[in-house]
């Protein structure tokens, strides 16, 4: 079903924008972590699942304790959930 409410479309677009920003933050974290890891232990940029994301976040936090990319990543994920929930509740 195509949403007819303009706010729903706006919330969906904002949610998609936030999830894309979260992916950019994850790619930046992978790049910074891979720069310090040996070649055999580097993370691939392709394919994401919960276990891999958790390992990347733990490795990034251990290498960069004051790194801000985790906060950007989590903030974007939180905003995505918020915008998607707002879109679902406003779709009538």
PDB file of N, CA and C in Angstrom:
ATOM      1  N   UNK A   1       0.842  -1.170   0.000  1.00  0.00           N
ATOM      2  CA  UNK A   1       0.000   0.000   0.000  1.00  0.00           C
ATOM      3  C   UNK A   1       0.895   1.243   0.000  1.00  0.00           C
ATOM      4  N   UNK A   2       0.574   2.196  -0.823  1.00  0.00           N
ATOM      5  CA  UNK A   2       1.321   3.444  -0.919  1.00  0.00           C
ATOM      6  C   UNK A   2       0.759   4.433   0.100  1.00  0.00           C
ATOM      7  N   UNK A   3       1.610   5.009   0.957  1.00  0.00           N
ATOM      8  CA  UNK A   3       1.091   5.976   1.942  1.00  0.00           C
ATOM      9  C   UNK A   3       0.630   7.254   1.262  1.00  0.00           C
ATOM     10  N   UNK A   4      -0.523   7.739   1.689  1.00  0.00           N
ATOM     11  CA  UNK A   4      -1.068   8.959   1.110  1.00  0.00           C
ATOM     12  C   UNK A   4      -0.802  10.182   1.976  1.00  0.00           C
ATOM     13  N   UNK A   5      -0.407   9.975   3.196  1.00  0.00           N
ATOM     14  CA  UNK A   5      -0.128  11.057   4.124  1.00  0.00           C
ATOM     15  C   UNK A   5       1.297  11.574   3.886  1.00  0.00           C
ATOM     16  N   UNK A   6       1.432  12.863   3.727  1.00  0.00           N
ATOM     17  CA  UNK A   6       2.753  13.448   3.468  1.00  0.00           C
ATOM     18  C   UNK A   6       3.730  13.261   4.613  1.00  0.00           C
ATOM     19  N   UNK A   7       3.218  13.262   5.847  1.00  0.00           N
ATOM     20  CA  UNK A   7       4.098  13.063   6.998  1.00  0.00           C
ATOM     21  C   UNK A   7       4.694  11.659   7.010  1.00  0.00           C
ATOM     22  N   UNK A   8       3.916  10.682   6.583  1.00  0.00           N
ATOM     23  CA  UNK A   8       4.415   9.307   6.547  1.00  0.00           C
ATOM     24  C   UNK A   8       5.581   9.202   5.577  1.00  0.00           C
ATOM     25  N   UNK A   9       5.428   9.796   4.419  1.00  0.00           N
ATOM     26  CA  UNK A   9       6.507   9.772   3.422  1.00  0.00           C
ATOM     27  C   UNK A   9       7.736  10.500   3.971  1.00  0.00           C
ATOM     28  N   UNK A  10       7.529  11.634   4.630  1.00  0.00           N
ATOM     29  CA  UNK A  10       8.636  12.378   5.219  1.00  0.00           C
ATOM     30  C   UNK A  10       9.352  11.549   6.285  1.00  0.00           C
ATOM     31  N   UNK A  11       8.594  10.892   7.161  1.00  0.00           N
ATOM     32  CA  UNK A  11       9.200  10.069   8.211  1.00  0.00           C
ATOM     33  C   UNK A  11       9.959   8.886   7.617  1.00  0.00           C
ATOM     34  N   UNK A  12       9.406   8.268   6.578  1.00  0.00           N
ATOM     35  CA  UNK A  12      10.100   7.162   5.925  1.00  0.00           C
ATOM     36  C   UNK A  12      11.415   7.628   5.305  1.00  0.00           C
ATOM     37  N   UNK A  13      11.385   8.771   4.641  1.00  0.00           N
ATOM     38  CA  UNK A  13      12.612   9.298   4.032  1.00  0.00           C
ATOM     39  C   UNK A  13      13.656   9.648   5.091  1.00  0.00           C
ATOM     40  N   UNK A  14      13.214  10.216   6.193  1.00  0.00           N
ATOM     41  CA  UNK A  14      14.143  10.526   7.284  1.00  0.00           C
ATOM     42  C   UNK A  14      14.739   9.252   7.873  1.00  0.00           C
ATOM     43  N   UNK A  15      13.918   8.215   8.020  1.00  0.00           N
ATOM     44  CA  UNK A  15      14.418   6.940   8.532  1.00  0.00           C
ATOM     45  C   UNK A  15      15.443   6.312   7.604  1.00  0.00           C
ATOM     46  N   UNK A  16      15.173   6.346   6.316  1.00  0.00           N
ATOM     47  CA  UNK A  16      16.120   5.795   5.345  1.00  0.00           C
ATOM     48  C   UNK A  16      17.417   6.602   5.350  1.00  0.00           C
ATOM     49  N   UNK A  17      17.316   7.912   5.460  1.00  0.00           N
ATOM     50  CA  UNK A  17      18.509   8.759   5.517  1.00  0.00           C
ATOM     51  C   UNK A  17      19.351   8.434   6.740  1.00  0.00           C
ATOM     52  N   UNK A  18      18.704   8.214   7.869  1.00  0.00           N
ATOM     53  CA  UNK A  18      19.438   7.901   9.097  1.00  0.00           C
ATOM     54  C   UNK A  18      20.112   6.540   9.016  1.00  0.00           C
ATOM     55  N   UNK A  19      19.470   5.552   8.408  1.00  0.00           N
ATOM     56  CA  UNK A  19      20.099   4.234   8.309  1.00  0.00           C
ATOM     57  C   UNK A  19      21.280   4.277   7.341  1.00  0.00           C
ATOM     58  N   UNK A  20      21.198   5.107   6.306  1.00  0.00           N
ATOM     59  CA  UNK A  20      22.338   5.279   5.397  1.00  0.00           C
ATOM     60  C   UNK A  20      23.491   5.953   6.140  1.00  0.00           C
ATOM     61  N   UNK A  21      23.190   6.954   6.968  1.00  0.00           N
ATOM     62  CA  UNK A  21      24.231   7.606   7.766  1.00  0.00           C
ATOM     63  C   UNK A  21      24.863   6.622   8.752  1.00  0.00           C
ATOM     64  N   UNK A  22      24.057   5.727   9.328  1.00  0.00           N
ATOM     65  CA  UNK A  22      24.596   4.707  10.237  1.00  0.00           C
ATOM     66  C   UNK A  22      25.544   3.770   9.491  1.00  0.00           C
ATOM     67  N   UNK A  23      25.194   3.427   8.250  1.00  0.00           N
ATOM     68  CA  UNK A  23      26.091   2.583   7.453  1.00  0.00           C
ATOM     69  C   UNK A  23      27.396   3.299   7.144  1.00  0.00           C
ATOM     70  N   UNK A  24      27.335   4.596   6.858  1.00  0.00           N
ATOM     71  CA  UNK A  24      28.573   5.350   6.635  1.00  0.00           C
ATOM     72  C   UNK A  24      29.449   5.343   7.883  1.00  0.00           C
ATOM     73  N   UNK A  25      28.833   5.489   9.056  1.00  0.00           N
ATOM     74  CA  UNK A  25      29.591   5.447  10.308  1.00  0.00           C
ATOM     75  C   UNK A  25      30.218   4.065  10.504  1.00  0.00           C
ATOM     76  N   UNK A  26      29.484   3.007  10.177  1.00  0.00           N
ATOM     77  CA  UNK A  26      30.022   1.647  10.308  1.00  0.00           C
ATOM     78  C   UNK A  26      31.188   1.437   9.347  1.00  0.00           C
ATOM     79  N   UNK A  27      31.062   1.911   8.116  1.00  0.00           N
ATOM     80  CA  UNK A  27      32.164   1.798   7.160  1.00  0.00           C
ATOM     81  C   UNK A  27      33.392   2.564   7.646  1.00  0.00           C
ATOM     82  N   UNK A  28      33.190   3.726   8.242  1.00  0.00           N
ATOM     83  CA  UNK A  28      34.315   4.496   8.782  1.00  0.00           C
ATOM     84  C   UNK A  28      34.979   3.742   9.931  1.00  0.00           C
ATOM     85  N   UNK A  29      34.173   3.115  10.781  1.00  0.00           N
ATOM     86  CA  UNK A  29      34.739   2.320  11.875  1.00  0.00           C
ATOM     87  C   UNK A  29      35.545   1.145  11.333  1.00  0.00           C
ATOM     88  N   UNK A  30      35.012   0.462  10.333  1.00  0.00           N
ATOM     89  CA  UNK A  30      35.733  -0.666   9.736  1.00  0.00           C
ATOM     90  C   UNK A  30      37.061  -0.193   9.155  1.00  0.00           C
ATOM     91  N   UNK A  31      37.047   0.950   8.471  1.00  0.00           N
ATOM     92  CA  UNK A  31      38.285   1.480   7.894  1.00  0.00           C
ATOM     93  C   UNK A  31      39.316   1.811   8.957  1.00  0.00           C
ATOM     94  N   UNK A  32      38.895   2.417  10.053  1.00  0.00           N
ATOM     95  CA  UNK A  32      39.841   2.764  11.111  1.00  0.00           C
ATOM     96  C   UNK A  32      40.364   1.520  11.821  1.00  0.00           C
ATOM     97  N   UNK A  33      39.495   0.542  12.048  1.00  0.00           N
ATOM     98  CA  UNK A  33      39.922  -0.692  12.709  1.00  0.00           C
ATOM     99  C   UNK A  33      40.860  -1.479  11.799  1.00  0.00           C
ATOM    100  N   UNK A  34      40.521  -1.585  10.525  1.00  0.00           N
ATOM    101  CA  UNK A  34      41.358  -2.334   9.590  1.00  0.00           C
ATOM    102  C   UNK A  34      42.744  -1.716   9.416  1.00  0.00           C
ATOM    103  N   UNK A  35      42.852  -0.418   9.611  1.00  0.00           N
ATOM    104  CA  UNK A  35      44.151   0.234   9.482  1.00  0.00           C
ATOM    105  C   UNK A  35      45.126  -0.237  10.564  1.00  0.00           C
ATOM    106  N   UNK A  36      44.608  -0.684  11.699  1.00  0.00           N
ATOM    107  CA  UNK A  36      45.465  -1.131  12.809  1.00  0.00           C
ATOM    108  C   UNK A  36      45.583  -2.646  12.925  1.00  0.00           C
ATOM    109  N   UNK A  37      44.723  -3.381  12.259  1.00  0.00           N
ATOM    110  CA  UNK A  37      44.746  -4.838  12.371  1.00  0.00           C
ATOM    111  C   UNK A  37      45.677  -5.455  11.333  1.00  0.00           C
ATOM    112  N   UNK A  38      46.252  -6.634  11.653  1.00  0.00           N
ATOM    113  CA  UNK A  38      47.010  -7.360  10.625  1.00  0.00           C
ATOM    114  C   UNK A  38      46.079  -7.796   9.491  1.00  0.00           C
ATOM    115  N   UNK A  39      46.672  -8.087   8.369  1.00  0.00           N
ATOM    116  CA  UNK A  39      45.897  -8.406   7.162  1.00  0.00           C
ATOM    117  C   UNK A  39      44.959  -9.595   7.379  1.00  0.00           C
ATOM    118  N   UNK A  40      45.376 -10.589   8.157  1.00  0.00           N
ATOM    119  CA  UNK A  40      44.575 -11.787   8.358  1.00  0.00           C
ATOM    120  C   UNK A  40      43.343 -11.543   9.234  1.00  0.00           C
ATOM    121  N   UNK A  41      43.368 -10.511  10.059  1.00  0.00           N
ATOM    122  CA  UNK A  41      42.288 -10.260  11.002  1.00  0.00           C
ATOM    123  C   UNK A  41      41.350  -9.128  10.577  1.00  0.00           C
ATOM    124  N   UNK A  42      41.546  -8.584   9.426  1.00  0.00           N
ATOM    125  CA  UNK A  42      40.734  -7.443   8.989  1.00  0.00           C
ATOM    126  C   UNK A  42      39.301  -7.850   8.702  1.00  0.00           C
ATOM    127  N   UNK A  43      38.399  -6.875   8.868  1.00  0.00           N
ATOM    128  CA  UNK A  43      36.984  -7.076   8.604  1.00  0.00           C
ATOM    129  C   UNK A  43      36.689  -6.748   7.152  1.00  0.00           C
ATOM    130  N   UNK A  44      35.769  -7.504   6.572  1.00  0.00           N
ATOM    131  CA  UNK A  44      35.329  -7.232   5.219  1.00  0.00           C
ATOM    132  C   UNK A  44      34.280  -6.123   5.227  1.00  0.00           C
ATOM    133  N   UNK A  45      34.266  -5.325   4.178  1.00  0.00           N
ATOM    134  CA  UNK A  45      33.255  -4.271   4.063  1.00  0.00           C
ATOM    135  C   UNK A  45      31.911  -4.821   3.581  1.00  0.00           C
ATOM    136  N   UNK A  46      31.888  -6.057   3.101  1.00  0.00           N
ATOM    137  CA  UNK A  46      30.659  -6.647   2.565  1.00  0.00           C
ATOM    138  C   UNK A  46      29.987  -7.514   3.627  1.00  0.00           C
ATOM    139  N   UNK A  47      28.675  -7.505   3.611  1.00  0.00           N
ATOM    140  CA  UNK A  47      27.898  -8.372   4.483  1.00  0.00           C
ATOM    141  C   UNK A  47      27.886  -7.930   5.929  1.00  0.00           C
ATOM    142  N   UNK A  48      26.700  -7.725   6.457  1.00  0.00           N
ATOM    143  CA  UNK A  48      26.548  -7.328   7.858  1.00  0.00           C
ATOM    144  C   UNK A  48      25.536  -8.250   8.526  1.00  0.00           C
ATOM    145  N   UNK A  49      25.872  -8.682   9.722  1.00  0.00           N
ATOM    146  CA  UNK A  49      24.952  -9.418  10.573  1.00  0.00           C
ATOM    147  C   UNK A  49      25.260  -9.036  12.010  1.00  0.00           C
ATOM    148  N   UNK A  50      24.409  -9.444  12.924  1.00  0.00           N
ATOM    149  CA  UNK A  50      24.512  -8.985  14.304  1.00  0.00           C
ATOM    150  C   UNK A  50      25.871  -9.317  14.917  1.00  0.00           C
ATOM    151  N   UNK A  51      26.352 -10.526  14.714  1.00  0.00           N
ATOM    152  CA  UNK A  51      27.634 -10.926  15.302  1.00  0.00           C
ATOM    153  C   UNK A  51      28.802 -10.102  14.771  1.00  0.00           C
ATOM    154  N   UNK A  52      28.808  -9.859  13.486  1.00  0.00           N
ATOM    155  CA  UNK A  52      29.883  -9.073  12.892  1.00  0.00           C
ATOM    156  C   UNK A  52      29.832  -7.629  13.383  1.00  0.00           C
ATOM    157  N   UNK A  53      28.644  -7.047  13.422  1.00  0.00           N
ATOM    158  CA  UNK A  53      28.516  -5.669  13.920  1.00  0.00           C
ATOM    159  C   UNK A  53      29.004  -5.567  15.358  1.00  0.00           C
ATOM    160  N   UNK A  54      28.668  -6.557  16.169  1.00  0.00           N
ATOM    161  CA  UNK A  54      29.092  -6.550  17.580  1.00  0.00           C
ATOM    162  C   UNK A  54      30.613  -6.632  17.691  1.00  0.00           C
ATOM    163  N   UNK A  55      31.237  -7.501  16.899  1.00  0.00           N
ATOM    164  CA  UNK A  55      32.705  -7.616  16.924  1.00  0.00           C
ATOM    165  C   UNK A  55      33.368  -6.321  16.464  1.00  0.00           C
ATOM    166  N   UNK A  56      32.803  -5.695  15.445  1.00  0.00           N
ATOM    167  CA  UNK A  56      33.368  -4.429  14.951  1.00  0.00           C
ATOM    168  C   UNK A  56      33.268  -3.362  16.031  1.00  0.00           C
ATOM    169  N   UNK A  57      32.109  -3.252  16.673  1.00  0.00           N
ATOM    170  CA  UNK A  57      31.930  -2.242  17.722  1.00  0.00           C
ATOM    171  C   UNK A  57      32.863  -2.499  18.908  1.00  0.00           C
ATOM    172  N   UNK A  58      33.016  -3.759  19.318  1.00  0.00           N
ATOM    173  CA  UNK A  58      33.915  -4.080  20.433  1.00  0.00           C
ATOM    174  C   UNK A  58      35.371  -3.784  20.070  1.00  0.00           C
ATOM    175  N   UNK A  59      35.765  -4.138  18.857  1.00  0.00           N
ATOM    176  CA  UNK A  59      37.137  -3.876  18.432  1.00  0.00           C
ATOM    177  C   UNK A  59      37.398  -2.384  18.324  1.00  0.00           C
ATOM    178  N   UNK A  60      36.435  -1.649  17.769  1.00  0.00           N
ATOM    179  CA  UNK A  60      36.594  -0.198  17.652  1.00  0.00           C
ATOM    180  C   UNK A  60      36.707   0.442  19.032  1.00  0.00           C
ATOM    181  N   UNK A  61      35.871   0.010  19.967  1.00  0.00           N
ATOM    182  CA  UNK A  61      35.895   0.584  21.308  1.00  0.00           C
ATOM    183  C   UNK A  61      37.221   0.280  22.019  1.00  0.00           C
ATOM    184  N   UNK A  62      37.785  -0.917  21.791  1.00  0.00           N
ATOM    185  CA  UNK A  62      39.060  -1.245  22.435  1.00  0.00           C
ATOM    186  C   UNK A  62      40.221  -0.468  21.822  1.00  0.00           C
ATOM    187  N   UNK A  63      40.150  -0.185  20.522  1.00  0.00           N
ATOM    188  CA  UNK A  63      41.237   0.546  19.862  1.00  0.00           C
ATOM    189  C   UNK A  63      41.086   2.054  19.998  1.00  0.00           C
ATOM    190  N   UNK A  64      39.857   2.525  20.029  1.00  0.00           N
ATOM    191  CA  UNK A  64      39.568   3.958  20.112  1.00  0.00           C
ATOM    192  C   UNK A  64      38.593   4.199  21.264  1.00  0.00           C
ATOM    193  N   UNK A  65      39.086   4.218  22.511  1.00  0.00           N
ATOM    194  CA  UNK A  65      38.165   4.356  23.650  1.00  0.00           C
ATOM    195  C   UNK A  65      37.390   5.671  23.653  1.00  0.00           C
ATOM    196  N   UNK A  66      37.933   6.707  23.068  1.00  0.00           N
ATOM    197  CA  UNK A  66      37.232   7.989  23.041  1.00  0.00           C
ATOM    198  C   UNK A  66      36.640   8.275  21.665  1.00  0.00           C
ATOM    199  N   UNK A  67      36.545   7.248  20.818  1.00  0.00           N
ATOM    200  CA  UNK A  67      36.014   7.424  19.462  1.00  0.00           C
ATOM    201  C   UNK A  67      34.546   7.803  19.474  1.00  0.00           C
ATOM    202  N   UNK A  68      34.187   8.727  18.607  1.00  0.00           N
ATOM    203  CA  UNK A  68      32.808   9.238  18.566  1.00  0.00           C
ATOM    204  C   UNK A  68      31.938   8.529  17.533  1.00  0.00           C
ATOM    205  N   UNK A  69      32.528   7.686  16.704  1.00  0.00           N
ATOM    206  CA  UNK A  69      31.727   7.038  15.658  1.00  0.00           C
ATOM    207  C   UNK A  69      30.683   6.091  16.226  1.00  0.00           C
ATOM    208  N   UNK A  70      30.957   5.485  17.377  1.00  0.00           N
ATOM    209  CA  UNK A  70      29.956   4.605  17.989  1.00  0.00           C
ATOM    210  C   UNK A  70      28.718   5.406  18.362  1.00  0.00           C
ATOM    211  N   UNK A  71      28.920   6.606  18.894  1.00  0.00           N
ATOM    212  CA  UNK A  71      27.773   7.444  19.264  1.00  0.00           C
ATOM    213  C   UNK A  71      26.997   7.881  18.034  1.00  0.00           C
ATOM    214  N   UNK A  72      27.698   8.212  16.951  1.00  0.00           N
ATOM    215  CA  UNK A  72      27.013   8.566  15.709  1.00  0.00           C
ATOM    216  C   UNK A  72      26.214   7.370  15.196  1.00  0.00           C
ATOM    217  N   UNK A  73      26.819   6.187  15.236  1.00  0.00           N
ATOM    218  CA  UNK A  73      26.157   4.978  14.754  1.00  0.00           C
ATOM    219  C   UNK A  73      24.893   4.696  15.572  1.00  0.00           C
ATOM    220  N   UNK A  74      25.043   4.677  16.880  1.00  0.00           N
ATOM    221  CA  UNK A  74      23.892   4.378  17.738  1.00  0.00           C
ATOM    222  C   UNK A  74      22.809   5.458  17.647  1.00  0.00           C
ATOM    223  N   UNK A  75      23.206   6.707  17.534  1.00  0.00           N
ATOM    224  CA  UNK A  75      22.234   7.790  17.383  1.00  0.00           C
ATOM    225  C   UNK A  75      21.445   7.652  16.101  1.00  0.00           C
ATOM    226  N   UNK A  76      22.126   7.308  15.015  1.00  0.00           N
ATOM    227  CA  UNK A  76      21.431   7.133  13.731  1.00  0.00           C
ATOM    228  C   UNK A  76      20.485   5.935  13.773  1.00  0.00           C
ATOM    229  N   UNK A  77      20.898   4.848  14.421  1.00  0.00           N
ATOM    230  CA  UNK A  77      20.025   3.689  14.549  1.00  0.00           C
ATOM    231  C   UNK A  77      18.790   4.057  15.378  1.00  0.00           C
ATOM    232  N   UNK A  78      19.006   4.770  16.477  1.00  0.00           N
ATOM    233  CA  UNK A  78      17.887   5.201  17.317  1.00  0.00           C
ATOM    234  C   UNK A  78      16.919   6.108  16.574  1.00  0.00           C
ATOM    235  N   UNK A  79      17.462   7.052  15.809  1.00  0.00           N
ATOM    236  CA  UNK A  79      16.601   7.937  15.025  1.00  0.00           C
ATOM    237  C   UNK A  79      15.838   7.176  13.945  1.00  0.00           C
ATOM    238  N   UNK A  80      16.476   6.169  13.363  1.00  0.00           N
ATOM    239  CA  UNK A  80      15.790   5.348  12.367  1.00  0.00           C
ATOM    240  C   UNK A  80      14.585   4.654  12.989  1.00  0.00           C
ATOM    241  N   UNK A  81      14.786   4.062  14.163  1.00  0.00           N
ATOM    242  CA  UNK A  81      13.677   3.388  14.843  1.00  0.00           C
ATOM    243  C   UNK A  81      12.575   4.390  15.168  1.00  0.00           C
ATOM    244  N   UNK A  82      12.955   5.572  15.641  1.00  0.00           N
ATOM    245  CA  UNK A  82      11.974   6.600  15.972  1.00  0.00           C
ATOM    246  C   UNK A  82      11.175   7.027  14.747  1.00  0.00           C
ATOM    247  N   UNK A  83      11.864   7.328  13.650  1.00  0.00           N
ATOM    248  CA  UNK A  83      11.171   7.775  12.439  1.00  0.00           C
ATOM    249  C   UNK A  83      10.268   6.684  11.859  1.00  0.00           C
ATOM    250  N   UNK A  84      10.722   5.439  11.885  1.00  0.00           N
ATOM    251  CA  UNK A  84       9.894   4.355  11.369  1.00  0.00           C
ATOM    252  C   UNK A  84       8.663   4.139  12.239  1.00  0.00           C
ATOM    253  N   UNK A  85       8.827   4.269  13.552  1.00  0.00           N
ATOM    254  CA  UNK A  85       7.669   4.150  14.447  1.00  0.00           C
ATOM    255  C   UNK A  85       6.690   5.301  14.214  1.00  0.00           C
ATOM    256  N   UNK A  86       7.211   6.501  14.015  1.00  0.00           N
ATOM    257  CA  UNK A  86       6.335   7.644  13.745  1.00  0.00           C
ATOM    258  C   UNK A  86       5.592   7.447  12.424  1.00  0.00           C
ATOM    259  N   UNK A  87       6.271   6.890  11.441  1.00  0.00           N
ATOM    260  CA  UNK A  87       5.605   6.626  10.158  1.00  0.00           C
ATOM    261  C   UNK A  87       4.510   5.586  10.328  1.00  0.00           C
ATOM    262  N   UNK A  88       4.775   4.558  11.126  1.00  0.00           N
ATOM    263  CA  UNK A  88       3.769   3.506  11.326  1.00  0.00           C
ATOM    264  C   UNK A  88       2.556   4.045  12.076  1.00  0.00           C
ATOM    265  N   UNK A  89       2.777   4.889  13.076  1.00  0.00           N
ATOM    266  CA  UNK A  89       1.647   5.405  13.852  1.00  0.00           C
ATOM    267  C   UNK A  89       0.850   6.478  13.121  1.00  0.00           C
ATOM    268  N   UNK A  90       1.473   7.158  12.165  1.00  0.00           N
ATOM    269  CA  UNK A  90       0.768   8.200  11.422  1.00  0.00           C
ATOM    270  C   UNK A  90       0.092   7.675  10.153  1.00  0.00           C
ATOM    271  N   UNK A  91       0.358   6.431   9.787  1.00  0.00           N
ATOM    272  CA  UNK A  91      -0.256   5.861   8.596  1.00  0.00           C
ATOM    273  C   UNK A  91      -1.656   5.381   8.964  1.00  0.00           C
ATOM    274  N   UNK A  92      -2.655   6.053   8.395  1.00  0.00           N
ATOM    275  CA  UNK A  92      -4.049   5.704   8.737  1.00  0.00           C
ATOM    276  C   UNK A  92      -4.790   5.186   7.550  1.00  0.00           C
TER     277      UNK A  92
END
